[in-house]
Amino acid sequence: MFLSYTASVILLSLAIFGLWCLAMECWQWYIKPRVLHLPSASFLFIVRNMEQEIEQMMRGILREMEMASITCEAVVVEAGSDDLTPRILVYLAGESSLLKVVHLPREERPISKALPICEGAAVYVFDLVNRMDARECQAAVHEILARR
């Protein structure tokens, strides 16, 4: 025997530790990015009578979604508009596969009807009828996509 028992145990321990470090490096570099991916996201917009700003807002949001590192979709609930908003949304949905449009009368509950359509693991709801305007909505979507 070339080495003493103590030296053999120390060398064997260092070899096992080295193999463990190599396995962790392989996990971090190669396996983890392939196994763990970010969940998809759905953005649910509730709109009504926004013909002046809906096209610009949705084009900007769709452009950001296309450049995002995660899979995104936009679901727009048109809640009984009296202007050209429904026609603009149908036109935009024909241009982009990321956009889905749901037309509902004013009496319907838009969130309960549109949530089953959302396919993302995370759903973000933006109420542009009662809660926020187009500029705030675009800023919020930009921040959400920047964090992911």
C-alpha atoms as a PDB file:
ATOM      1  CA  MET A   1       0.000   0.000   0.000  1.00  0.00           C
ATOM      2  CA  PHE A   2       1.386   3.351  -1.074  1.00  0.00           C
ATOM      3  CA  LEU A   3      -0.624   5.718   1.131  1.00  0.00           C
ATOM      4  CA  SER A   4      -1.780   5.505   4.692  1.00  0.00           C
ATOM      5  CA  TYR A   5      -5.408   4.921   5.548  1.00  0.00           C
ATOM      6  CA  THR A   6      -5.960   8.587   6.513  1.00  0.00           C
ATOM      7  CA  ALA A   7      -4.492   9.880   3.255  1.00  0.00           C
ATOM      8  CA  SER A   8      -6.646   7.436   1.243  1.00  0.00           C
ATOM      9  CA  VAL A   9      -9.816   8.644   2.995  1.00  0.00           C
ATOM     10  CA  ILE A  10      -8.899  12.282   2.388  1.00  0.00           C
ATOM     11  CA  LEU A  11      -8.163  11.666  -1.315  1.00  0.00           C
ATOM     12  CA  LEU A  12     -11.380   9.701  -1.759  1.00  0.00           C
ATOM     13  CA  SER A  13     -13.375  12.485  -0.054  1.00  0.00           C
ATOM     14  CA  LEU A  14     -11.796  15.092  -2.325  1.00  0.00           C
ATOM     15  CA  ALA A  15     -12.591  12.967  -5.394  1.00  0.00           C
ATOM     16  CA  ILE A  16     -16.246  12.636  -4.361  1.00  0.00           C
ATOM     17  CA  PHE A  17     -16.447  16.369  -3.682  1.00  0.00           C
ATOM     18  CA  GLY A  18     -14.914  17.091  -7.102  1.00  0.00           C
ATOM     19  CA  LEU A  19     -17.473  14.873  -8.826  1.00  0.00           C
ATOM     20  CA  TRP A  20     -20.261  16.634  -6.946  1.00  0.00           C
ATOM     21  CA  CYS A  21     -18.928  20.054  -8.039  1.00  0.00           C
ATOM     22  CA  LEU A  22     -18.690  18.826 -11.655  1.00  0.00           C
ATOM     23  CA  ALA A  23     -22.284  17.574 -11.521  1.00  0.00           C
ATOM     24  CA  MET A  24     -23.486  20.924 -10.145  1.00  0.00           C
ATOM     25  CA  GLU A  25     -21.674  22.836 -12.880  1.00  0.00           C
ATOM     26  CA  CYS A  26     -23.225  20.603 -15.540  1.00  0.00           C
ATOM     27  CA  TRP A  27     -26.656  21.185 -13.977  1.00  0.00           C
ATOM     28  CA  GLN A  28     -26.235  24.964 -13.944  1.00  0.00           C
ATOM     29  CA  TRP A  29     -24.762  25.202 -17.428  1.00  0.00           C
ATOM     30  CA  TYR A  30     -26.569  22.586 -19.500  1.00  0.00           C
ATOM     31  CA  ILE A  31     -29.491  20.807 -17.852  1.00  0.00           C
ATOM     32  CA  LYS A  32     -31.224  23.546 -15.830  1.00  0.00           C
ATOM     33  CA  PRO A  33     -31.912  25.919 -18.762  1.00  0.00           C
ATOM     34  CA  ARG A  34     -33.488  23.068 -20.713  1.00  0.00           C
ATOM     35  CA  VAL A  35     -35.601  21.677 -17.882  1.00  0.00           C
ATOM     36  CA  LEU A  36     -36.714  24.828 -16.096  1.00  0.00           C
ATOM     37  CA  HIS A  37     -38.438  27.339 -18.334  1.00  0.00           C
ATOM     38  CA  LEU A  38     -40.547  30.347 -17.453  1.00  0.00           C
ATOM     39  CA  PRO A  39     -44.303  29.873 -17.392  1.00  0.00           C
ATOM     40  CA  SER A  40     -46.412  31.517 -20.031  1.00  0.00           C
ATOM     41  CA  ALA A  41     -48.491  34.617 -19.341  1.00  0.00           C
ATOM     42  CA  SER A  42     -51.877  35.861 -20.458  1.00  0.00           C
ATOM     43  CA  PHE A  43     -52.804  39.523 -20.421  1.00  0.00           C
ATOM     44  CA  LEU A  44     -56.553  40.144 -20.112  1.00  0.00           C
ATOM     45  CA  PHE A  45     -57.714  43.615 -21.161  1.00  0.00           C
ATOM     46  CA  ILE A  46     -61.257  44.853 -20.565  1.00  0.00           C
ATOM     47  CA  VAL A  47     -62.066  47.760 -22.876  1.00  0.00           C
ATOM     48  CA  ARG A  48     -65.061  49.878 -23.874  1.00  0.00           C
ATOM     49  CA  ASN A  49     -65.330  52.881 -26.211  1.00  0.00           C
ATOM     50  CA  MET A  50     -61.584  53.336 -26.818  1.00  0.00           C
ATOM     51  CA  GLU A  51     -61.504  53.875 -30.592  1.00  0.00           C
ATOM     52  CA  GLN A  52     -59.032  56.771 -30.307  1.00  0.00           C
ATOM     53  CA  GLU A  53     -56.331  54.900 -28.417  1.00  0.00           C
ATOM     54  CA  ILE A  54     -56.944  51.136 -28.715  1.00  0.00           C
ATOM     55  CA  GLU A  55     -54.978  50.548 -31.914  1.00  0.00           C
ATOM     56  CA  GLN A  56     -51.822  52.337 -30.794  1.00  0.00           C
ATOM     57  CA  MET A  57     -51.969  50.758 -27.343  1.00  0.00           C
ATOM     58  CA  MET A  58     -52.496  47.204 -28.608  1.00  0.00           C
ATOM     59  CA  ARG A  59     -49.839  47.491 -31.328  1.00  0.00           C
ATOM     60  CA  GLY A  60     -47.298  48.621 -28.723  1.00  0.00           C
ATOM     61  CA  ILE A  61     -48.245  45.837 -26.328  1.00  0.00           C
ATOM     62  CA  LEU A  62     -48.181  43.169 -29.062  1.00  0.00           C
ATOM     63  CA  ARG A  63     -44.750  44.383 -30.209  1.00  0.00           C
ATOM     64  CA  GLU A  64     -43.406  44.017 -26.653  1.00  0.00           C
ATOM     65  CA  MET A  65     -44.950  40.553 -26.328  1.00  0.00           C
ATOM     66  CA  GLU A  66     -43.271  39.390 -29.530  1.00  0.00           C
ATOM     67  CA  MET A  67     -39.876  40.497 -28.233  1.00  0.00           C
ATOM     68  CA  ALA A  68     -40.385  39.014 -24.743  1.00  0.00           C
ATOM     69  CA  SER A  69     -38.453  35.960 -23.603  1.00  0.00           C
ATOM     70  CA  ILE A  70     -41.621  34.205 -22.429  1.00  0.00           C
ATOM     71  CA  THR A  71     -44.678  32.967 -24.278  1.00  0.00           C
ATOM     72  CA  CYS A  72     -47.442  35.581 -24.056  1.00  0.00           C
ATOM     73  CA  GLU A  73     -50.954  36.109 -25.302  1.00  0.00           C
ATOM     74  CA  ALA A  74     -53.375  39.013 -25.169  1.00  0.00           C
ATOM     75  CA  VAL A  75     -57.089  38.486 -24.612  1.00  0.00           C
ATOM     76  CA  VAL A  76     -59.196  41.610 -25.129  1.00  0.00           C
ATOM     77  CA  VAL A  77     -62.760  41.686 -23.829  1.00  0.00           C
ATOM     78  CA  GLU A  78     -64.758  44.288 -25.687  1.00  0.00           C
ATOM     79  CA  ALA A  79     -67.533  45.096 -23.209  1.00  0.00           C
ATOM     80  CA  GLY A  80     -70.313  46.586 -25.330  1.00  0.00           C
ATOM     81  CA  SER A  81     -68.711  49.541 -27.082  1.00  0.00           C
ATOM     82  CA  ASP A  82     -70.782  52.078 -29.002  1.00  0.00           C
ATOM     83  CA  ASP A  83     -67.964  53.202 -31.298  1.00  0.00           C
ATOM     84  CA  LEU A  84     -65.481  51.551 -33.709  1.00  0.00           C
ATOM     85  CA  THR A  85     -63.548  49.688 -31.011  1.00  0.00           C
ATOM     86  CA  PRO A  86     -64.942  46.224 -31.955  1.00  0.00           C
ATOM     87  CA  ARG A  87     -64.001  46.651 -35.625  1.00  0.00           C
ATOM     88  CA  ILE A  88     -60.502  47.854 -34.772  1.00  0.00           C
ATOM     89  CA  LEU A  89     -59.973  44.862 -32.480  1.00  0.00           C
ATOM     90  CA  VAL A  90     -61.177  42.391 -35.119  1.00  0.00           C
ATOM     91  CA  TYR A  91     -58.735  43.954 -37.597  1.00  0.00           C
ATOM     92  CA  LEU A  92     -55.847  43.709 -35.124  1.00  0.00           C
ATOM     93  CA  ALA A  93     -56.732  40.098 -34.261  1.00  0.00           C
ATOM     94  CA  GLY A  94     -56.485  39.236 -37.950  1.00  0.00           C
ATOM     95  CA  GLU A  95     -52.951  40.646 -38.039  1.00  0.00           C
ATOM     96  CA  SER A  96     -51.569  39.016 -34.882  1.00  0.00           C
ATOM     97  CA  SER A  97     -51.832  35.447 -33.644  1.00  0.00           C
ATOM     98  CA  LEU A  98     -51.108  36.637 -30.077  1.00  0.00           C
ATOM     99  CA  LEU A  99     -54.409  38.521 -29.858  1.00  0.00           C
ATOM    100  CA  LYS A 100     -57.803  37.024 -29.041  1.00  0.00           C
ATOM    101  CA  VAL A 101     -60.932  39.166 -28.946  1.00  0.00           C
ATOM    102  CA  VAL A 102     -64.130  38.434 -27.018  1.00  0.00           C
ATOM    103  CA  HIS A 103     -67.241  40.565 -27.624  1.00  0.00           C
ATOM    104  CA  LEU A 104     -69.673  40.800 -24.708  1.00  0.00           C
ATOM    105  CA  PRO A 105     -72.686  42.995 -23.969  1.00  0.00           C
ATOM    106  CA  ARG A 106     -72.465  45.495 -21.119  1.00  0.00           C
ATOM    107  CA  GLU A 107     -74.545  43.316 -18.799  1.00  0.00           C
ATOM    108  CA  GLU A 108     -72.165  40.323 -18.881  1.00  0.00           C
ATOM    109  CA  ARG A 109     -69.385  39.804 -16.361  1.00  0.00           C
ATOM    110  CA  PRO A 110     -66.284  40.145 -18.553  1.00  0.00           C
ATOM    111  CA  ILE A 111     -63.705  38.491 -16.306  1.00  0.00           C
ATOM    112  CA  SER A 112     -65.691  35.344 -15.641  1.00  0.00           C
ATOM    113  CA  LYS A 113     -66.396  34.906 -19.357  1.00  0.00           C
ATOM    114  CA  ALA A 114     -62.828  35.580 -20.509  1.00  0.00           C
ATOM    115  CA  LEU A 115     -60.714  33.741 -17.912  1.00  0.00           C
ATOM    116  CA  PRO A 116     -61.398  30.284 -19.427  1.00  0.00           C
ATOM    117  CA  ILE A 117     -60.021  31.564 -22.738  1.00  0.00           C
ATOM    118  CA  CYS A 118     -56.670  32.554 -21.206  1.00  0.00           C
ATOM    119  CA  GLU A 119     -54.106  29.783 -21.693  1.00  0.00           C
ATOM    120  CA  GLY A 120     -51.165  31.234 -19.757  1.00  0.00           C
ATOM    121  CA  ALA A 121     -49.984  29.988 -16.390  1.00  0.00           C
ATOM    122  CA  ALA A 122     -50.192  33.553 -15.049  1.00  0.00           C
ATOM    123  CA  VAL A 123     -53.091  35.866 -15.930  1.00  0.00           C
ATOM    124  CA  TYR A 124     -52.783  39.635 -15.560  1.00  0.00           C
ATOM    125  CA  VAL A 125     -56.087  41.552 -15.664  1.00  0.00           C
ATOM    126  CA  PHE A 126     -56.226  45.176 -16.845  1.00  0.00           C
ATOM    127  CA  ASP A 127     -59.558  46.983 -16.473  1.00  0.00           C
ATOM    128  CA  LEU A 128     -59.408  49.925 -18.857  1.00  0.00           C
ATOM    129  CA  VAL A 129     -63.089  50.699 -18.342  1.00  0.00           C
ATOM    130  CA  ASN A 130     -62.994  51.575 -14.638  1.00  0.00           C
ATOM    131  CA  ARG A 131     -59.448  51.383 -13.275  1.00  0.00           C
ATOM    132  CA  MET A 132     -56.738  52.664 -15.629  1.00  0.00           C
ATOM    133  CA  ASP A 133     -56.080  54.424 -18.907  1.00  0.00           C
ATOM    134  CA  ALA A 134     -54.123  53.284 -21.961  1.00  0.00           C
ATOM    135  CA  ARG A 135     -50.820  54.898 -20.947  1.00  0.00           C
ATOM    136  CA  GLU A 136     -50.860  53.292 -17.489  1.00  0.00           C
ATOM    137  CA  CYS A 137     -51.738  49.939 -19.042  1.00  0.00           C
ATOM    138  CA  GLN A 138     -48.807  50.058 -21.478  1.00  0.00           C
ATOM    139  CA  ALA A 139     -46.426  51.001 -18.675  1.00  0.00           C
ATOM    140  CA  ALA A 140     -47.683  48.143 -16.492  1.00  0.00           C
ATOM    141  CA  VAL A 141     -47.309  45.569 -19.296  1.00  0.00           C
ATOM    142  CA  HIS A 142     -43.804  46.861 -20.022  1.00  0.00           C
ATOM    143  CA  GLU A 143     -42.790  46.470 -16.361  1.00  0.00           C
ATOM    144  CA  ILE A 144     -44.231  42.951 -16.139  1.00  0.00           C
ATOM    145  CA  LEU A 145     -42.415  41.801 -19.266  1.00  0.00           C
ATOM    146  CA  ALA A 146     -39.175  43.489 -18.191  1.00  0.00           C
ATOM    147  CA  ARG A 147     -39.200  41.634 -14.841  1.00  0.00           C
ATOM    148  CA  ARG A 148     -39.602  38.234 -16.504  1.00  0.00           C
END
